[in-house]
Amino acid sequence: MKKIGLFILPLLLLISACETNEYVVPNRTVVVNIQPGEWRSVDGGINYTAPIDMPEIDDYFNERGGVLAYLSLGDRTYEALPQVYGGIAYNYITRPGQVVLELQSSDGQGRISPPANVITVKIVLIDSEY
């Protein structure tokens, strides 16, 4: 009987160690096209911004959720932001109700021209159980 107990005890420990709590938190993906005329500069072309309305980002989500942004310059290939391409640094910020894309010279000193083509942005919103 003692031998059976020695065999069963490690087996029970192994089984209980394999049981894990899994939390599945769904995400949401939003794809938006930024038209060339949507870029704005308030400093003479040193920085440009393009706000994207995102009502899914409320105060709670902005504090506890996660936002990932990817950029496609028309070739159906997405690059994660932040990114530097062609001497321009692409970045983004989030605030309740918006994701704001930001562009500036990669050295932070020169003037740039906003994109002349449509840019596709993929935004992934990741909820968090806090």
Protein backbone atom coordinates (compact mmCIF):
# COMPACT_ATOMS: atom_id res chain seq x y z
CA MET A 1 0.00 0.00 0.00
CA LYS A 2 2.87 2.33 0.76
CA LYS A 3 4.26 1.78 -2.75
CA ILE A 4 0.94 2.74 -4.33
CA GLY A 5 0.89 5.95 -2.28
CA LEU A 6 4.41 6.81 -3.42
CA PHE A 7 3.29 6.34 -7.01
CA ILE A 8 -0.02 8.23 -6.73
CA LEU A 9 1.30 11.25 -4.80
CA PRO A 10 3.71 12.45 -7.53
CA LEU A 11 1.04 11.77 -10.14
CA LEU A 12 -1.46 13.96 -8.26
CA LEU A 13 1.13 16.71 -7.90
CA LEU A 14 1.85 16.55 -11.61
CA ILE A 15 -1.82 16.74 -12.52
CA SER A 16 -2.47 19.67 -10.18
CA ALA A 17 0.58 21.51 -11.54
CA CYS A 18 -0.75 21.18 -15.08
CA GLU A 19 -4.04 22.86 -14.22
CA THR A 20 -3.72 26.55 -15.01
CA ASN A 21 -6.14 29.39 -15.07
CA GLU A 22 -6.43 30.75 -18.55
CA TYR A 23 -7.75 34.21 -19.18
CA VAL A 24 -8.74 35.00 -22.73
CA VAL A 25 -9.01 38.71 -23.35
CA PRO A 26 -10.28 39.55 -26.82
CA ASN A 27 -8.79 42.36 -28.83
CA ARG A 28 -10.29 44.58 -31.49
CA THR A 29 -8.69 45.65 -34.74
CA VAL A 30 -9.60 48.83 -36.59
CA VAL A 31 -8.21 49.67 -40.04
CA VAL A 32 -8.24 53.34 -41.09
CA ASN A 33 -7.02 55.15 -44.20
CA ILE A 34 -5.35 58.54 -43.72
CA GLN A 35 -5.83 60.74 -46.77
CA PRO A 36 -3.03 63.15 -47.81
CA GLY A 37 -5.08 66.22 -46.84
CA GLU A 38 -5.67 65.01 -43.28
CA TRP A 39 -2.16 65.83 -42.02
CA ARG A 40 -1.86 69.08 -40.04
CA SER A 41 1.17 71.07 -38.92
CA VAL A 42 1.17 73.86 -36.36
CA ASP A 43 4.91 74.55 -36.56
CA GLY A 44 5.56 75.23 -40.24
CA GLY A 45 6.18 71.66 -41.37
CA ILE A 46 8.52 70.40 -38.66
CA ASN A 47 5.86 68.07 -37.19
CA TYR A 48 2.61 66.75 -38.65
CA THR A 49 -0.28 65.04 -36.92
CA ALA A 50 -3.36 63.16 -38.07
CA PRO A 51 -5.97 62.44 -35.40
CA ILE A 52 -8.05 59.29 -35.72
CA ASP A 53 -11.36 59.24 -33.88
CA MET A 54 -11.43 56.18 -31.66
CA PRO A 55 -14.53 56.20 -29.40
CA GLU A 56 -13.51 52.73 -28.16
CA ILE A 57 -10.77 54.40 -26.11
CA ASP A 58 -12.54 55.81 -23.08
CA ASP A 59 -10.81 56.99 -19.89
CA TYR A 60 -10.77 53.48 -18.38
CA PHE A 61 -9.36 51.86 -21.53
CA ASN A 62 -6.77 54.61 -21.96
CA GLU A 63 -5.48 53.93 -18.44
CA ARG A 64 -5.63 50.13 -18.47
CA GLY A 65 -5.87 48.84 -22.04
CA GLY A 66 -3.21 48.60 -24.70
CA VAL A 67 -2.98 50.12 -28.15
CA LEU A 68 -0.71 48.89 -30.92
CA ALA A 69 -0.43 50.69 -34.25
CA TYR A 70 0.88 49.47 -37.59
CA LEU A 71 1.44 51.45 -40.76
CA SER A 72 1.17 50.45 -44.42
CA LEU A 73 2.39 52.76 -47.14
CA GLY A 74 0.28 51.08 -49.80
CA ASP A 75 2.05 47.76 -50.32
CA ARG A 76 -0.15 45.75 -47.89
CA THR A 77 2.86 45.29 -45.62
CA TYR A 78 2.41 46.60 -42.10
CA GLU A 79 5.25 47.99 -39.98
CA ALA A 80 4.89 48.41 -36.22
CA LEU A 81 5.08 51.96 -34.90
CA PRO A 82 7.25 53.72 -33.92
CA GLN A 83 9.12 53.45 -37.22
CA VAL A 84 11.54 55.45 -39.33
CA TYR A 85 11.04 55.34 -43.08
CA GLY A 86 12.56 57.60 -45.71
CA GLY A 87 14.00 59.98 -43.12
CA ILE A 88 10.62 60.47 -41.43
CA ALA A 89 9.89 59.21 -37.91
CA TYR A 90 6.35 57.86 -37.50
CA ASN A 91 4.91 57.64 -34.00
CA TYR A 92 1.54 57.71 -32.26
CA ILE A 93 -0.05 58.73 -28.99
CA THR A 94 -3.37 57.78 -27.44
CA ARG A 95 -5.84 59.76 -25.42
CA PRO A 96 -9.51 59.22 -24.66
CA GLY A 97 -11.38 59.20 -27.96
CA GLN A 98 -8.33 59.38 -30.25
CA VAL A 99 -5.20 57.86 -31.63
CA VAL A 100 -2.97 60.59 -33.02
CA LEU A 101 -0.33 59.78 -35.63
CA GLU A 102 2.75 61.98 -35.51
CA LEU A 103 5.42 62.59 -38.15
CA GLN A 104 8.71 64.45 -37.88
CA SER A 105 12.14 64.40 -39.42
CA SER A 106 14.12 61.45 -38.11
CA ASP A 107 16.80 63.84 -36.82
CA GLY A 108 14.11 66.07 -35.26
CA GLN A 109 15.46 69.22 -36.86
CA GLY A 110 14.32 69.56 -40.45
CA ARG A 111 11.08 70.35 -42.17
CA ILE A 112 9.25 67.51 -43.85
CA SER A 113 6.41 67.13 -46.32
CA PRO A 114 3.37 65.15 -45.26
CA PRO A 115 2.69 61.90 -47.13
CA ALA A 116 1.30 62.47 -50.62
CA ASN A 117 -0.37 59.04 -50.74
CA VAL A 118 -3.02 57.31 -48.67
CA ILE A 119 -1.56 55.62 -45.60
CA THR A 120 -3.36 52.68 -44.03
CA VAL A 121 -3.18 52.36 -40.27
CA LYS A 122 -4.07 49.18 -38.41
CA ILE A 123 -4.90 49.82 -34.75
CA VAL A 124 -5.17 46.91 -32.34
CA LEU A 125 -7.01 47.60 -29.09
CA ILE A 126 -6.18 45.13 -26.33
CA ASP A 127 -8.49 45.03 -23.30
CA SER A 128 -6.94 44.31 -19.96
CA GLU A 129 -8.52 42.61 -16.97
CA TYR A 130 -7.23 44.84 -14.21
